[in-house]
Protein backbone atom coordinates (compact mmCIF):
# COMPACT_ATOMS: atom_id res chain seq x y z
CA MET A 1 14.03 -22.79 -10.83
CA LEU A 2 11.56 -21.40 -13.26
CA PHE A 3 8.96 -20.73 -10.70
CA ARG A 4 11.34 -18.54 -8.67
CA VAL A 5 9.69 -19.46 -5.47
CA LEU A 6 11.27 -16.74 -3.32
CA ALA A 7 9.84 -13.90 -5.54
CA VAL A 8 6.48 -15.66 -5.54
CA LEU A 9 6.52 -15.71 -1.73
CA VAL A 10 7.35 -12.00 -1.48
CA TRP A 11 4.83 -10.95 -4.14
CA ALA A 12 1.90 -13.35 -4.56
CA PHE A 13 1.78 -15.01 -1.19
CA ASN A 14 2.40 -11.98 0.94
CA ALA A 15 -0.02 -9.66 -0.93
CA SER A 16 -2.78 -12.42 -0.84
CA LEU A 17 -2.19 -12.93 2.87
CA VAL A 18 -2.43 -9.23 3.61
CA SER A 19 -5.60 -8.72 1.58
CA ASN A 20 -7.39 -11.59 3.29
CA ALA A 21 -6.26 -10.46 6.68
CA ALA A 22 -7.62 -6.97 5.91
CA ALA A 23 -10.94 -8.46 5.11
CA ALA A 24 -10.95 -10.44 8.41
CA LEU A 25 -10.05 -7.15 10.24
CA ASP A 26 -13.18 -5.56 8.68
CA GLY A 27 -15.31 -8.32 10.17
CA PHE A 28 -15.77 -10.58 7.13
CA ALA A 29 -15.73 -14.45 7.61
CA ILE A 30 -12.70 -15.81 5.76
CA ASP A 31 -13.69 -18.73 3.44
CA PRO A 32 -10.62 -21.01 3.34
CA ILE A 33 -11.45 -22.33 -0.10
CA VAL A 34 -11.55 -18.84 -1.54
CA PHE A 35 -8.33 -17.94 0.30
CA ALA A 36 -6.57 -21.10 -1.11
CA PHE A 37 -7.74 -20.33 -4.65
CA VAL A 38 -6.67 -16.69 -4.55
CA LEU A 39 -3.25 -17.84 -3.31
CA LEU A 40 -3.03 -20.58 -5.81
CA ILE A 41 -4.10 -18.38 -8.80
CA SER A 42 -1.79 -15.49 -7.91
CA ALA A 43 1.15 -17.82 -7.33
CA LEU A 44 0.65 -19.69 -10.57
CA VAL A 45 0.18 -16.61 -12.61
CA GLN A 46 3.39 -15.03 -11.30
CA GLY A 47 5.45 -18.27 -11.11
CA TYR A 48 4.67 -19.65 -14.58
CA PRO A 49 3.03 -17.50 -17.33
CA ALA A 50 4.57 -14.30 -16.15
CA HIS A 51 8.08 -15.76 -15.44
CA ILE A 52 8.02 -17.85 -18.59
CA VAL A 53 7.44 -14.86 -20.96
CA ASN A 54 10.00 -12.86 -18.98
CA GLU A 55 12.50 -15.74 -19.42
CA ILE A 56 11.86 -15.99 -23.22
CA TYR A 57 11.83 -12.33 -24.18
CA ASP A 58 14.78 -11.27 -21.92
CA TRP A 59 16.76 -14.16 -23.34
CA GLN A 60 15.88 -13.16 -27.01
CA SER A 61 16.61 -9.50 -26.40
CA GLY A 62 20.05 -10.30 -24.89
CA ALA A 63 19.27 -8.91 -21.50
CA ASP A 64 19.93 -12.27 -19.91
CA ARG A 65 22.89 -13.17 -22.17
CA ALA A 66 25.24 -10.28 -21.49
CA THR A 67 28.63 -11.34 -20.23
CA LEU A 68 29.73 -8.09 -18.58
CA PRO A 69 30.01 -8.28 -14.80
CA ASN A 70 26.80 -6.95 -13.25
CA ALA A 71 26.41 -5.07 -10.02
CA SER A 72 27.08 -8.29 -8.06
CA GLY A 73 30.51 -8.58 -9.54
CA ARG A 74 29.55 -11.85 -11.38
CA LYS A 75 29.09 -12.39 -15.06
CA ASN A 76 25.39 -12.26 -15.90
CA VAL A 77 25.29 -15.38 -18.06
CA SER A 78 21.57 -15.40 -17.46
CA GLY A 79 19.08 -13.37 -15.56
CA GLY A 80 15.85 -14.69 -14.41
CA SER A 81 15.86 -18.31 -13.42
CA LYS A 82 18.93 -19.35 -15.63
CA VAL A 83 17.13 -22.39 -17.00
CA ILE A 84 17.84 -21.45 -20.59
CA ALA A 85 21.55 -20.70 -20.10
CA ALA A 86 21.98 -23.88 -18.12
CA GLY A 87 20.39 -25.91 -20.97
CA LEU A 88 17.66 -27.19 -18.71
CA LEU A 89 14.75 -25.90 -20.86
CA THR A 90 14.58 -24.67 -24.38
CA ILE A 91 12.38 -21.85 -25.62
CA ALA A 92 10.07 -24.42 -27.22
CA ASP A 93 9.88 -26.12 -23.83
CA LEU A 94 9.02 -22.87 -22.22
CA TRP A 95 6.22 -22.06 -24.71
CA ARG A 96 4.66 -25.56 -24.07
CA LEU A 97 4.70 -24.91 -20.27
CA PHE A 98 3.26 -21.43 -20.92
CA TYR A 99 0.17 -22.91 -22.73
CA LEU A 100 -0.22 -25.67 -20.08
CA THR A 101 0.01 -23.42 -17.12
CA THR A 102 -2.09 -20.66 -18.66
CA GLY A 103 -4.81 -23.21 -19.28
CA LEU A 104 -4.65 -24.31 -15.61
CA VAL A 105 -4.71 -20.74 -14.36
CA VAL A 106 -7.77 -19.87 -16.48
CA LEU A 107 -9.58 -22.99 -15.33
CA PHE A 108 -8.88 -22.16 -11.65
CA ALA A 109 -10.03 -18.48 -12.24
CA VAL A 110 -13.26 -19.58 -13.85
CA PHE A 111 -13.92 -22.06 -11.12
CA ILE A 112 -13.50 -19.52 -8.30
CA ALA A 113 -15.51 -16.98 -10.25
CA ALA A 114 -18.40 -19.40 -10.57
CA PHE A 115 -18.02 -20.49 -6.97
CA GLY A 116 -18.02 -16.89 -5.71
CA SER A 117 -18.75 -14.04 -8.11
CA TRP A 118 -18.08 -13.50 -11.82
CA LYS A 119 -17.02 -9.98 -10.82
CA LEU A 120 -13.76 -11.49 -9.73
CA LEU A 121 -12.87 -11.78 -13.45
CA TRP A 122 -12.56 -7.93 -13.39
CA PHE A 123 -9.51 -8.43 -11.20
CA PHE A 124 -8.12 -11.59 -12.88
CA ILE A 125 -8.19 -10.57 -16.47
CA PRO A 126 -6.34 -7.22 -16.20
CA GLY A 127 -3.90 -8.66 -13.61
CA PHE A 128 -3.08 -11.60 -15.94
CA LEU A 129 -2.55 -9.38 -18.94
CA LEU A 130 -0.36 -6.91 -17.05
CA CYS A 131 1.78 -9.87 -15.87
CA LEU A 132 2.24 -11.05 -19.57
CA PHE A 133 2.82 -7.58 -21.07
CA TYR A 134 5.39 -6.75 -18.50
CA SER A 135 7.82 -8.58 -20.85
CA MET A 136 5.86 -9.54 -23.89
CA PRO A 137 5.73 -7.27 -27.13
CA PRO A 138 4.34 -5.03 -28.26
CA TRP A 139 4.36 -3.06 -24.96
CA ARG A 140 7.20 -4.72 -22.86
CA PHE A 141 6.52 -2.49 -19.73
CA ALA A 142 9.77 -3.76 -18.22
CA TYR A 143 11.77 -2.19 -21.06
CA ARG A 144 10.35 1.27 -20.52
CA PRO A 145 11.15 3.52 -17.52
CA PHE A 146 8.38 3.87 -14.88
CA LEU A 147 6.01 1.61 -16.85
CA GLY A 148 7.83 -1.50 -15.49
CA GLU A 149 7.15 -0.45 -11.91
CA PHE A 150 3.71 1.05 -12.31
CA LEU A 151 2.10 -1.20 -14.91
CA GLY A 152 3.96 -4.21 -13.56
CA GLY A 153 4.70 -4.11 -9.90
CA PHE A 154 2.38 -1.39 -8.64
CA ALA A 155 -0.75 -2.20 -10.69
CA GLY A 156 -0.33 -5.92 -10.20
CA ILE A 157 -0.24 -5.56 -6.43
CA VAL A 158 -3.09 -3.13 -6.36
CA ILE A 159 -5.23 -5.59 -8.34
CA LEU A 160 -4.10 -8.60 -6.21
CA VAL A 161 -4.79 -6.90 -2.87
CA SER A 162 -8.11 -5.39 -4.05
CA GLY A 163 -9.14 -8.75 -5.64
CA GLY A 164 -8.19 -10.79 -2.58
CA TYR A 165 -10.34 -8.54 -0.34
CA PHE A 166 -13.17 -8.56 -2.76
CA ALA A 167 -13.15 -12.33 -3.13
CA GLN A 168 -13.85 -12.57 0.61
CA SER A 169 -16.23 -9.64 1.04
CA GLY A 170 -17.85 -8.78 -2.22
CA ALA A 171 -17.00 -5.14 -1.44
CA LEU A 172 -14.24 -2.67 -2.02
CA PRO A 173 -14.32 0.22 0.45
CA LEU A 174 -12.04 3.23 0.41
CA GLY A 175 -9.81 1.81 3.19
CA THR A 176 -9.03 -1.34 1.04
CA ILE A 177 -8.21 0.88 -2.00
CA LEU A 178 -5.79 2.90 0.07
CA LEU A 179 -4.30 -0.31 1.47
CA ALA A 180 -3.85 -1.67 -2.06
CA LEU A 181 -2.21 1.68 -3.23
CA GLY A 182 0.15 1.69 -0.26
CA MET A 183 1.22 -1.91 -0.86
CA GLY A 184 1.56 -1.00 -4.59
CA PHE A 185 4.00 1.84 -3.84
CA MET A 186 6.07 -0.42 -1.54
CA TYR A 187 6.33 -3.08 -4.17
CA ALA A 188 7.27 -0.58 -6.85
CA ALA A 189 10.25 0.28 -4.57
CA ILE A 190 11.07 -3.40 -4.14
CA MET A 191 11.13 -3.86 -7.88
CA VAL A 192 13.58 -0.99 -8.29
CA PHE A 193 15.86 -2.64 -5.78
CA PHE A 194 16.20 -5.84 -7.71
CA HIS A 195 16.78 -3.94 -10.95
CA TYR A 196 19.92 -2.35 -9.50
CA ILE A 197 21.83 -5.57 -10.12
CA ASP A 198 21.17 -5.67 -13.82
CA TYR A 199 21.95 -1.93 -14.34
CA LYS A 200 24.83 -2.55 -16.73
CA THR A 201 23.54 -5.64 -18.52
CA ASP A 202 20.03 -4.26 -19.21
CA ARG A 203 21.60 -1.50 -21.33
CA LEU A 204 23.10 -4.18 -23.84
CA ALA A 205 19.65 -5.62 -24.69
CA ASN A 206 18.13 -5.22 -28.15
CA PRO A 207 15.73 -3.55 -27.86
CA PRO A 208 17.40 -1.68 -24.96
CA LYS A 209 15.91 -2.59 -21.69
CA ARG A 210 15.44 0.97 -20.39
CA THR A 211 14.34 0.19 -16.90
CA THR A 212 13.89 3.09 -14.51
CA VAL A 213 17.26 2.31 -13.06
CA VAL A 214 18.91 2.55 -16.55
CA PHE A 215 16.98 5.80 -17.24
CA LEU A 216 17.60 7.59 -13.90
CA GLY A 217 20.94 5.98 -13.00
CA LEU A 218 21.72 4.23 -9.77
CA GLU A 219 21.54 7.28 -7.49
CA GLY A 220 18.49 8.83 -9.13
CA SER A 221 16.66 5.56 -8.92
CA ARG A 222 17.45 5.22 -5.24
CA ILE A 223 15.79 8.52 -4.60
CA TYR A 224 12.84 7.50 -6.68
CA ALA A 225 12.48 4.24 -4.83
CA CYS A 226 12.71 5.92 -1.39
CA ILE A 227 9.85 8.23 -2.48
CA CYS A 228 7.73 5.25 -3.57
CA ALA A 229 8.38 3.49 -0.21
CA ALA A 230 7.70 6.63 1.80
CA ALA A 231 4.38 7.14 -0.08
CA GLY A 232 3.40 3.58 0.89
CA ALA A 233 4.34 4.13 4.49
CA LEU A 234 2.30 7.36 4.68
CA LEU A 235 -0.79 5.55 3.43
CA MET A 236 -0.33 2.97 6.14
CA LEU A 237 0.12 5.67 8.74
CA HIS A 238 -3.17 7.14 7.64
CA LEU A 239 -4.89 3.68 7.83
CA ALA A 240 -3.36 3.12 11.34
CA ALA A 241 -4.73 6.43 12.47
CA ALA A 242 -8.16 6.24 10.73
CA GLN A 243 -8.94 2.50 11.07
CA HIS A 244 -6.79 0.25 13.22
CA ALA A 245 -3.34 0.15 14.82
CA TYR A 246 -2.54 -3.09 13.07
CA TYR A 247 -1.59 -1.06 10.03
CA LEU A 248 1.44 0.19 11.89
CA ILE A 249 3.10 -3.17 11.13
CA LEU A 250 2.72 -2.42 7.40
CA LEU A 251 4.01 1.08 8.17
CA LEU A 252 7.14 -0.49 9.51
CA GLN A 253 7.40 -2.54 6.31
CA GLY A 254 7.37 0.60 4.25
CA LEU A 255 9.89 2.24 6.46
CA MET A 256 12.19 -0.80 6.24
CA ILE A 257 12.02 -0.82 2.39
CA PHE A 258 12.92 2.91 2.53
CA TYR A 259 15.80 2.19 4.92
CA CYS A 260 17.20 -0.59 2.79
CA HIS A 261 17.29 1.67 -0.34
CA TRP A 262 18.83 4.46 1.79
CA ARG A 263 21.65 2.14 3.06
CA VAL A 264 22.42 0.02 0.03
CA ARG A 265 25.29 0.79 -2.32
CA PRO A 266 23.65 -0.04 -5.63
CA ASP A 267 26.94 -0.60 -7.37
CA ASP A 268 28.27 -3.08 -4.77
CA GLY A 269 27.25 -6.68 -5.06
CA ARG A 270 27.81 -7.50 -1.42
CA SER A 271 25.74 -4.60 -0.31
CA LEU A 272 22.91 -5.55 -2.72
CA VAL A 273 22.81 -9.18 -1.31
CA TYR A 274 22.95 -7.99 2.27
CA TRP A 275 20.16 -5.43 2.19
CA GLY A 276 18.18 -7.38 -0.34
CA LYS A 277 17.95 -10.32 2.15
CA ILE A 278 17.01 -8.01 5.06
CA MET A 279 14.26 -6.30 2.91
CA THR A 280 12.93 -9.81 1.79
CA TYR A 281 12.87 -11.33 5.27
CA PHE A 282 11.27 -8.23 6.77
CA VAL A 283 8.49 -7.94 4.22
CA LEU A 284 7.57 -11.57 4.71
CA ILE A 285 7.66 -11.45 8.39
CA ALA A 286 5.70 -8.17 8.54
CA GLY A 287 3.00 -9.62 6.33
CA LEU A 288 2.74 -12.83 8.44
CA ILE A 289 2.70 -10.93 11.75
CA PHE A 290 0.01 -8.58 10.37
CA ALA A 291 -2.22 -11.45 9.34
CA ALA A 292 -1.63 -13.66 12.35
CA LEU A 293 -2.43 -10.88 14.86
CA ILE A 294 -5.71 -10.24 13.12
CA LYS A 295 -6.53 -13.94 12.69
CA PRO A 296 -4.30 -16.45 14.46
CA VAL A 297 -5.17 -19.26 11.94
CA PHE A 298 -3.11 -17.25 9.41
CA ALA A 299 0.10 -18.23 11.41
CA GLY A 300 -0.37 -21.58 9.77
CA MET A 301 1.23 -20.04 6.68
CA ALA A 302 4.62 -19.92 8.48
CA PRO A 303 5.51 -23.63 7.67
CA LEU A 304 4.68 -22.93 4.01
CA TYR A 305 6.99 -19.93 3.98
CA LEU A 306 9.76 -22.07 5.57
CA LEU A 307 9.11 -24.74 2.96
CA GLY A 308 9.42 -22.20 0.30
CA PHE A 309 12.76 -20.93 1.63
CA TRP A 310 14.00 -24.56 1.72
CA ALA A 311 12.83 -25.15 -1.88
CA HIS A 312 14.58 -21.99 -2.93
CA LYS A 313 17.86 -23.11 -1.36
CA ARG A 314 17.59 -26.62 -2.58
CA PHE A 315 16.05 -26.32 -6.05
CA GLY A 316 15.71 -22.62 -6.88
CA LYS A 317 19.14 -21.99 -8.28
CA LEU A 318 21.97 -23.87 -9.80
CA GLN A 319 24.05 -25.76 -7.31
CA PRO A 320 27.83 -25.23 -7.31
CA GLN A 321 29.60 -28.14 -8.96
CA PRO A 322 32.60 -29.78 -7.05
CA PRO A 323 35.96 -29.10 -8.67
CA THR A 324 37.10 -31.84 -11.09
CA ARG A 325 40.03 -33.91 -9.78
CA VAL A 326 42.83 -34.36 -12.28
CA ALA A 327 45.12 -37.35 -11.81
CA ILE A 328 48.77 -36.49 -12.26
CA HIS A 329 50.90 -39.46 -13.30
CA PRO A 330 54.70 -39.28 -12.86
CA ALA A 331 56.48 -39.32 -16.22
């Protein structure tokens, strides 16, 4: 539950896959060990240290404890993974897991830097710090309009895509920078989508969680997200015209993100669930198709994605409890 496997698939796995596929498209040999470590490090950073501090500070601020019905129509007894509200982990438990997983991530990062190039730490260190300070004081990017998307989602994806490409190639050409920026804009739009649901409850936090959605309102945020998605799509269109037609797949990804924002009703829970699923599935499928067409061995990631979906359904959320039967005895 704490790892939030579906979010990790959409962000860390998909961006790592796209970056390595882009390196293969440019003619670089893909080292499977480097690919595995890039995937592992990015997934662990997002799944544990980043999600742990988000869990702790959103709980302490009250953003995850509000009891008003949120945009989904349900009471938001806990945002995030719900492990604190369910009594499964305490804040002390979370801090212990934070130190343990941070140590593992740093160990893996140093290993891959020594194995490949110490320049990889130029990507790891700022990426790791941005993940932490998305929720952690004193900056709390998530609590400030626009900074949440652009110093959290956008910058994180730009660093991950650039770093994944650099790990395989030792280079960072202009086309890769444009790819990273395009993916960053798309993921900023994805982040806005999943802030719609907490529009009401985020305003009750102390300090107030002034996400872009809270700052602009639901309709203003939808226009803003559509602009971000369109910017990402335009960059992919340029790459498709200037480099290779494979980038048309990522252009379709940006257009689908745009379309989901355009069609969703941000104040309607069913609409959010429906279009959120479509956007999630399309992003994962587009990334997988893009990578597999470039290098068919990447199709081997499909079973891992399916395993992730199964794990999310089976372990990633609280399971509904059967109703308690009450025996009625005649007087």
